Amino acid sequence: MKRIFRVVVALGLLLVLAWFVLTRGSPLDGPLPDHEVNLSNGELFYWAGGCASCHAASNTDSSSDDENLLTLGGGREFSTPFGVFRAPNISPDPEFGIGSWSTLDFVNAMLKGLSPDNRHYYPVFPYPYYQNMKVADVLDLKAFMDTLPASSNVVAGHSLQFPYSVRRGVGLWKKRYLPGTRLDVVDAPTPELARGKYLVHGAAHCGACHTPRDGAGGEITTLFLAGAESFELDAGRIPNITPHKNGIGAWSKSDIEYSLKTGFDPDFDSFGSSMVAVQENMARLPAEDRAAIAAYLKSIPAIDSETD
């Protein structure tokens, strides 16, 4: 009996050890590359990344007030099957925001999904896409965000159901769903397609909404951009944006560019729901970036949304 007890205890200890090893974060230790900051490029990725859409102090999907869109006090709530997520304050306030973060802290959040104290962020923060960004673009984004207004808004923590409330378990989720390599745009046949691929799979994180997910919240990559039910409860369906006839197959490249600039589709219907804020962000990008996104969306495999 004692021997059985010792074996059970040993197995238990091994399981605990495995849990801590498999779920621990693996931050970048630095040093970061030398880089001359480009604030204009940082602003571009601020809009491409949709920072204001979740974190703006107005706590709305859209606002014409630029001051609101540049004050990242957080507070927006996302009601999901896992519980309620709340967008944190990411303004430069050193106490209530991220003003005390080092540049390396910010890079680890964006590329590794880790907090300064090495806790995992939930992937409602779209670091599975931001991890594909170039370090130089992340550094420029950090520099631009440091110029924005500080907010002392206090945001409550997430309210999640068990076992999703066990944050360390996100480490296992990352091992299952995050690719082991960064995005490769070298294989794109033209510079325009390379840029479009970089934006769609990176800062713009189009798949975060338009790709269906399994029960654990991981993307079903074989249905990339084929449309999905919104991860927010009762928020409806997100459309297919592949070149299939059930998606945007009838749209021309110029149609997509026009819609991203104006918010109107080829039939002159206006965008709705959270896509309004996305489109308003896209309208702030250079025309060549909207053209690159449009070209890439026309180049990807056409997938029938009715098979998802």
Protein backbone atom coordinates (compact mmCIF):
# COMPACT_ATOMS: atom_id res chain seq x y z
CA MET A 1 0.00 0.00 0.00
CA LYS A 2 2.83 2.40 0.84
CA ARG A 3 4.45 1.65 -2.48
CA ILE A 4 1.23 2.45 -4.34
CA PHE A 5 0.91 5.68 -2.35
CA ARG A 6 4.49 6.68 -3.27
CA VAL A 7 3.81 5.95 -6.94
CA VAL A 8 0.62 8.04 -6.89
CA VAL A 9 2.43 10.92 -5.18
CA ALA A 10 5.31 10.70 -7.68
CA LEU A 11 2.90 10.75 -10.62
CA GLY A 12 1.09 13.70 -9.10
CA LEU A 13 4.33 15.62 -8.71
CA LEU A 14 5.29 14.80 -12.30
CA LEU A 15 1.93 16.10 -13.51
CA VAL A 16 2.36 19.32 -11.54
CA LEU A 17 5.88 19.74 -12.90
CA ALA A 18 4.68 19.08 -16.46
CA TRP A 19 1.89 21.63 -16.00
CA PHE A 20 4.30 24.35 -14.91
CA VAL A 21 6.81 23.53 -17.64
CA LEU A 22 4.26 23.31 -20.46
CA THR A 23 2.31 26.41 -19.44
CA ARG A 24 5.15 28.80 -18.62
CA GLY A 25 5.73 31.85 -20.79
CA SER A 26 8.81 32.21 -22.95
CA PRO A 27 9.48 35.94 -23.26
CA LEU A 28 12.06 37.54 -25.48
CA ASP A 29 15.02 38.56 -23.35
CA GLY A 30 16.48 41.09 -25.77
CA PRO A 31 18.44 42.98 -26.69
CA LEU A 32 16.16 44.62 -29.21
CA PRO A 33 17.66 45.73 -32.51
CA ASP A 34 18.84 49.30 -32.94
CA HIS A 35 16.06 51.23 -34.58
CA GLU A 36 15.41 54.84 -35.55
CA VAL A 37 11.78 55.48 -34.61
CA ASN A 38 9.34 56.47 -37.35
CA LEU A 39 6.24 57.97 -35.75
CA SER A 40 4.36 58.14 -39.05
CA ASN A 41 4.83 54.42 -39.50
CA GLY A 42 3.76 53.90 -35.90
CA GLU A 43 0.54 55.80 -36.56
CA LEU A 44 -0.10 53.69 -39.67
CA PHE A 45 0.09 50.50 -37.61
CA TYR A 46 -2.04 52.07 -34.88
CA TRP A 47 -4.91 52.31 -37.36
CA ALA A 48 -4.09 49.06 -39.15
CA GLY A 49 -4.08 47.25 -35.80
CA GLY A 50 -7.44 48.63 -34.74
CA CYS A 51 -6.16 49.71 -31.31
CA ALA A 52 -8.93 52.27 -30.86
CA SER A 53 -11.67 49.83 -31.86
CA CYS A 54 -11.27 47.95 -28.58
CA HIS A 55 -9.42 50.29 -26.26
CA ALA A 56 -10.74 53.78 -27.04
CA ALA A 57 -12.08 55.63 -24.03
CA SER A 58 -15.43 56.18 -25.74
CA ASN A 59 -16.11 52.43 -25.36
CA THR A 60 -17.96 52.41 -28.67
CA ASP A 61 -17.40 50.66 -31.96
CA SER A 62 -16.90 53.92 -33.79
CA SER A 63 -16.44 57.60 -33.12
CA SER A 64 -15.73 60.64 -35.27
CA ASP A 65 -14.00 62.26 -32.30
CA ASP A 66 -10.28 61.85 -32.86
CA GLU A 67 -9.51 62.64 -29.23
CA ASN A 68 -11.62 59.68 -28.13
CA LEU A 69 -9.99 57.45 -30.71
CA LEU A 70 -6.55 58.37 -29.39
CA THR A 71 -7.36 57.99 -25.68
CA LEU A 72 -6.95 54.31 -24.91
CA GLY A 73 -8.56 54.15 -21.49
CA GLY A 74 -10.23 50.81 -22.20
CA GLY A 75 -13.42 49.50 -20.65
CA ARG A 76 -15.20 47.92 -23.60
CA GLU A 77 -16.77 44.58 -22.66
CA PHE A 78 -16.92 41.47 -24.84
CA SER A 79 -19.50 38.89 -23.78
CA THR A 80 -18.42 35.49 -25.08
CA PRO A 81 -19.13 31.80 -24.38
CA PHE A 82 -16.03 31.85 -22.14
CA GLY A 83 -17.20 34.80 -20.05
CA VAL A 84 -16.80 38.56 -20.20
CA PHE A 85 -13.52 40.05 -21.39
CA ARG A 86 -12.77 43.72 -20.70
CA ALA A 87 -10.36 45.74 -22.80
CA PRO A 88 -7.69 47.18 -20.50
CA ASN A 89 -6.35 50.69 -20.28
CA ILE A 90 -3.35 50.81 -22.63
CA SER A 91 -2.80 54.56 -22.51
CA PRO A 92 0.62 55.94 -21.47
CA ASP A 93 -0.58 56.51 -17.90
CA PRO A 94 2.14 54.93 -15.71
CA GLU A 95 -0.29 53.81 -12.99
CA PHE A 96 -3.51 52.84 -14.77
CA GLY A 97 -2.18 52.19 -18.27
CA ILE A 98 1.06 50.88 -19.72
CA GLY A 99 3.20 53.98 -19.28
CA SER A 100 5.59 52.14 -16.97
CA TRP A 101 6.28 49.39 -19.51
CA SER A 102 9.67 49.12 -21.13
CA THR A 103 9.96 48.76 -24.87
CA LEU A 104 10.79 45.08 -24.36
CA ASP A 105 7.63 44.67 -22.27
CA PHE A 106 5.58 46.03 -25.17
CA VAL A 107 7.31 43.80 -27.71
CA ASN A 108 6.67 40.73 -25.56
CA ALA A 109 2.99 41.63 -25.27
CA MET A 110 2.60 42.07 -29.03
CA LEU A 111 4.76 39.20 -30.27
CA LYS A 112 4.49 36.67 -27.42
CA GLY A 113 1.19 37.49 -25.71
CA LEU A 114 2.94 37.95 -22.36
CA SER A 115 2.62 40.60 -19.66
CA PRO A 116 5.64 42.27 -18.02
CA ASP A 117 5.34 39.74 -15.16
CA ASN A 118 5.26 36.86 -17.68
CA ARG A 119 1.55 36.06 -17.45
CA HIS A 120 -0.26 34.92 -20.56
CA TYR A 121 -2.73 37.26 -22.19
CA TYR A 122 -5.97 35.77 -23.43
CA PRO A 123 -6.09 35.63 -27.24
CA VAL A 124 -9.06 37.99 -27.33
CA PHE A 125 -6.05 40.33 -27.56
CA PRO A 126 -5.09 39.39 -31.15
CA TYR A 127 -1.42 38.67 -30.55
CA PRO A 128 -1.76 35.46 -32.62
CA TYR A 129 -1.77 37.94 -35.51
CA TYR A 130 0.39 40.69 -34.06
CA GLN A 131 3.16 38.11 -33.58
CA ASN A 132 3.59 38.27 -37.36
CA MET A 133 4.55 41.95 -37.25
CA LYS A 134 8.12 43.06 -37.80
CA VAL A 135 9.88 44.16 -34.64
CA ALA A 136 10.62 47.54 -36.26
CA ASP A 137 6.90 48.16 -36.83
CA VAL A 138 6.12 47.19 -33.23
CA LEU A 139 8.78 49.63 -31.99
CA ASP A 140 7.29 52.40 -34.12
CA LEU A 141 3.81 51.60 -32.80
CA LYS A 142 5.07 51.79 -29.21
CA ALA A 143 6.70 55.16 -29.88
CA PHE A 144 3.49 56.53 -31.40
CA MET A 145 1.33 55.26 -28.55
CA ASP A 146 3.68 56.95 -26.07
CA THR A 147 2.64 60.30 -27.59
CA LEU A 148 -1.09 59.73 -26.93
CA PRO A 149 -3.12 61.14 -24.01
CA ALA A 150 -2.82 59.36 -20.67
CA SER A 151 -6.02 58.06 -19.09
CA SER A 152 -6.63 57.27 -15.43
CA ASN A 153 -9.62 55.08 -16.25
CA VAL A 154 -9.74 51.98 -14.04
CA VAL A 155 -10.92 48.81 -15.79
CA ALA A 156 -12.15 45.75 -13.93
CA GLY A 157 -10.60 42.39 -14.70
CA HIS A 158 -12.17 39.71 -16.86
CA SER A 159 -15.10 37.67 -15.53
CA LEU A 160 -14.53 34.18 -16.92
CA GLN A 161 -15.96 30.76 -16.26
CA PHE A 162 -13.80 27.91 -14.95
CA PRO A 163 -11.55 26.51 -16.42
CA TYR A 164 -11.04 29.55 -18.68
CA SER A 165 -10.37 31.65 -15.59
CA VAL A 166 -7.12 29.70 -15.08
CA ARG A 167 -4.92 32.07 -17.05
CA ARG A 168 -1.89 29.80 -16.98
CA GLY A 169 -3.81 27.33 -19.11
CA VAL A 170 -3.44 29.74 -22.02
CA GLY A 171 0.10 28.41 -22.24
CA LEU A 172 -1.31 25.06 -23.42
CA TRP A 173 -3.61 26.90 -25.84
CA LYS A 174 -0.60 28.64 -27.34
CA LYS A 175 1.22 25.36 -27.85
CA ARG A 176 -1.80 24.02 -29.73
CA TYR A 177 -2.78 27.03 -31.80
CA LEU A 178 0.17 29.35 -32.28
CA PRO A 179 2.48 28.51 -35.17
CA GLY A 180 6.07 27.81 -34.31
CA THR A 181 7.37 30.10 -37.04
CA ARG A 182 6.72 33.71 -38.01
CA LEU A 183 4.80 34.68 -41.14
CA ASP A 184 6.75 34.27 -44.37
CA VAL A 185 5.95 36.89 -46.99
CA VAL A 186 8.97 36.13 -49.13
CA ASP A 187 6.97 33.58 -51.10
CA ALA A 188 4.51 36.25 -52.30
CA PRO A 189 4.95 36.74 -56.07
CA THR A 190 4.79 40.56 -56.00
CA PRO A 191 5.64 43.29 -53.48
CA GLU A 192 1.98 44.32 -53.41
CA LEU A 193 0.82 40.82 -52.49
CA ALA A 194 3.59 40.56 -49.90
CA ARG A 195 2.40 43.78 -48.28
CA GLY A 196 -1.22 42.65 -48.39
CA LYS A 197 -0.36 39.29 -46.84
CA TYR A 198 1.65 41.02 -44.13
CA LEU A 199 -1.22 43.33 -43.21
CA VAL A 200 -4.01 40.73 -43.40
CA HIS A 201 -2.12 38.12 -41.35
CA GLY A 202 -0.49 40.70 -39.10
CA ALA A 203 -1.67 44.04 -37.79
CA ALA A 204 -5.09 44.04 -39.49
CA HIS A 205 -5.85 40.56 -38.01
CA CYS A 206 -8.71 39.96 -40.48
CA GLY A 207 -8.95 36.28 -39.58
CA ALA A 208 -9.66 37.09 -35.94
CA CYS A 209 -13.26 37.79 -36.93
CA HIS A 210 -13.72 36.24 -40.37
CA THR A 211 -12.31 32.74 -39.65
CA PRO A 212 -14.43 30.19 -37.75
CA ARG A 213 -13.20 28.77 -34.47
CA ASP A 214 -13.44 25.45 -32.70
CA GLY A 215 -14.74 24.89 -29.18
CA ALA A 216 -11.47 25.98 -27.61
CA GLY A 217 -11.43 29.26 -29.50
CA GLY A 218 -8.72 28.20 -31.94
CA GLU A 219 -9.04 29.13 -35.58
CA ILE A 220 -10.01 26.48 -38.12
CA THR A 221 -7.26 27.42 -40.52
CA THR A 222 -8.63 25.37 -43.42
CA LEU A 223 -11.54 27.85 -43.48
CA PHE A 224 -9.41 30.99 -43.36
CA LEU A 225 -11.59 34.07 -43.91
CA ALA A 226 -14.59 31.93 -44.95
CA GLY A 227 -16.93 33.60 -42.46
CA ALA A 228 -17.81 32.77 -38.89
CA GLU A 229 -20.19 33.31 -36.04
CA SER A 230 -19.00 36.26 -34.00
CA PHE A 231 -17.18 35.29 -30.81
CA GLU A 232 -19.37 37.89 -29.07
CA LEU A 233 -22.70 36.47 -27.95
CA ASP A 234 -25.70 37.44 -30.11
CA ALA A 235 -23.51 39.52 -32.43
CA GLY A 236 -24.49 37.69 -35.60
CA ARG A 237 -22.45 36.23 -38.41
CA ILE A 238 -19.24 37.63 -39.87
CA PRO A 239 -19.22 37.31 -43.69
CA ASN A 240 -17.03 35.25 -45.98
CA ILE A 241 -14.33 37.46 -47.53
CA THR A 242 -12.66 34.84 -49.72
CA PRO A 243 -13.06 35.05 -53.53
CA HIS A 244 -15.85 32.44 -53.49
CA LYS A 245 -19.25 33.28 -54.98
CA ASN A 246 -20.64 33.06 -51.44
CA GLY A 247 -18.02 35.56 -50.35
CA ILE A 248 -16.62 38.51 -52.27
CA GLY A 249 -15.94 36.62 -55.49
CA ALA A 250 -18.03 39.08 -57.49
CA TRP A 251 -16.12 42.04 -56.09
CA SER A 252 -13.27 43.48 -58.14
CA LYS A 253 -10.01 44.61 -56.58
CA SER A 254 -11.16 48.21 -56.97
CA ASP A 255 -14.49 47.32 -55.30
CA ILE A 256 -12.61 46.12 -52.21
CA GLU A 257 -10.39 49.19 -52.18
CA TYR A 258 -13.44 51.45 -52.46
CA SER A 259 -15.30 49.65 -49.67
CA LEU A 260 -12.33 49.92 -47.31
CA LYS A 261 -12.11 53.63 -48.04
CA THR A 262 -15.80 54.55 -47.92
CA GLY A 263 -17.68 51.84 -46.04
CA PHE A 264 -19.92 51.04 -49.01
CA ASP A 265 -20.04 47.72 -50.84
CA PRO A 266 -20.47 47.48 -54.65
CA ASP A 267 -24.27 47.66 -54.19
CA PHE A 268 -23.85 50.83 -52.13
CA ASP A 269 -25.00 49.16 -48.95
CA SER A 270 -23.09 50.44 -45.94
CA PHE A 271 -21.09 48.30 -43.55
CA GLY A 272 -22.58 47.58 -40.15
CA SER A 273 -21.70 46.36 -36.68
CA SER A 274 -18.02 46.24 -35.70
CA MET A 275 -16.94 46.44 -39.35
CA VAL A 276 -17.79 50.15 -39.25
CA ALA A 277 -14.85 50.82 -36.93
CA VAL A 278 -12.59 48.50 -38.94
CA GLN A 279 -13.42 50.32 -42.16
CA GLU A 280 -12.84 53.72 -40.56
CA ASN A 281 -9.41 52.50 -39.49
CA MET A 282 -8.68 51.21 -43.00
CA ALA A 283 -9.71 54.57 -44.48
CA ARG A 284 -6.80 56.17 -42.62
CA LEU A 285 -4.23 53.92 -44.30
CA PRO A 286 -2.35 54.94 -47.44
CA ALA A 287 -4.22 54.04 -50.63
CA GLU A 288 -1.46 51.63 -51.61
CA ASP A 289 -2.02 49.62 -48.42
CA ARG A 290 -5.75 49.28 -49.11
CA ALA A 291 -4.83 48.21 -52.64
CA ALA A 292 -2.41 45.62 -51.25
CA ILE A 293 -5.08 44.20 -48.91
CA ALA A 294 -7.54 44.04 -51.81
CA ALA A 295 -5.03 42.31 -54.07
CA TYR A 296 -4.22 39.72 -51.42
CA LEU A 297 -7.88 38.98 -50.66
CA LYS A 298 -8.44 38.35 -54.37
CA SER A 299 -5.47 35.95 -54.44
CA ILE A 300 -6.38 33.59 -51.58
CA PRO A 301 -8.26 30.29 -52.06
CA ALA A 302 -12.01 30.61 -52.58
CA ILE A 303 -13.82 28.74 -49.81
CA ASP A 304 -17.54 27.99 -49.68
CA SER A 305 -18.83 29.50 -46.45
CA GLU A 306 -21.78 27.10 -46.50
CA THR A 307 -19.43 24.18 -45.80
CA ASP A 308 -18.16 25.58 -42.50
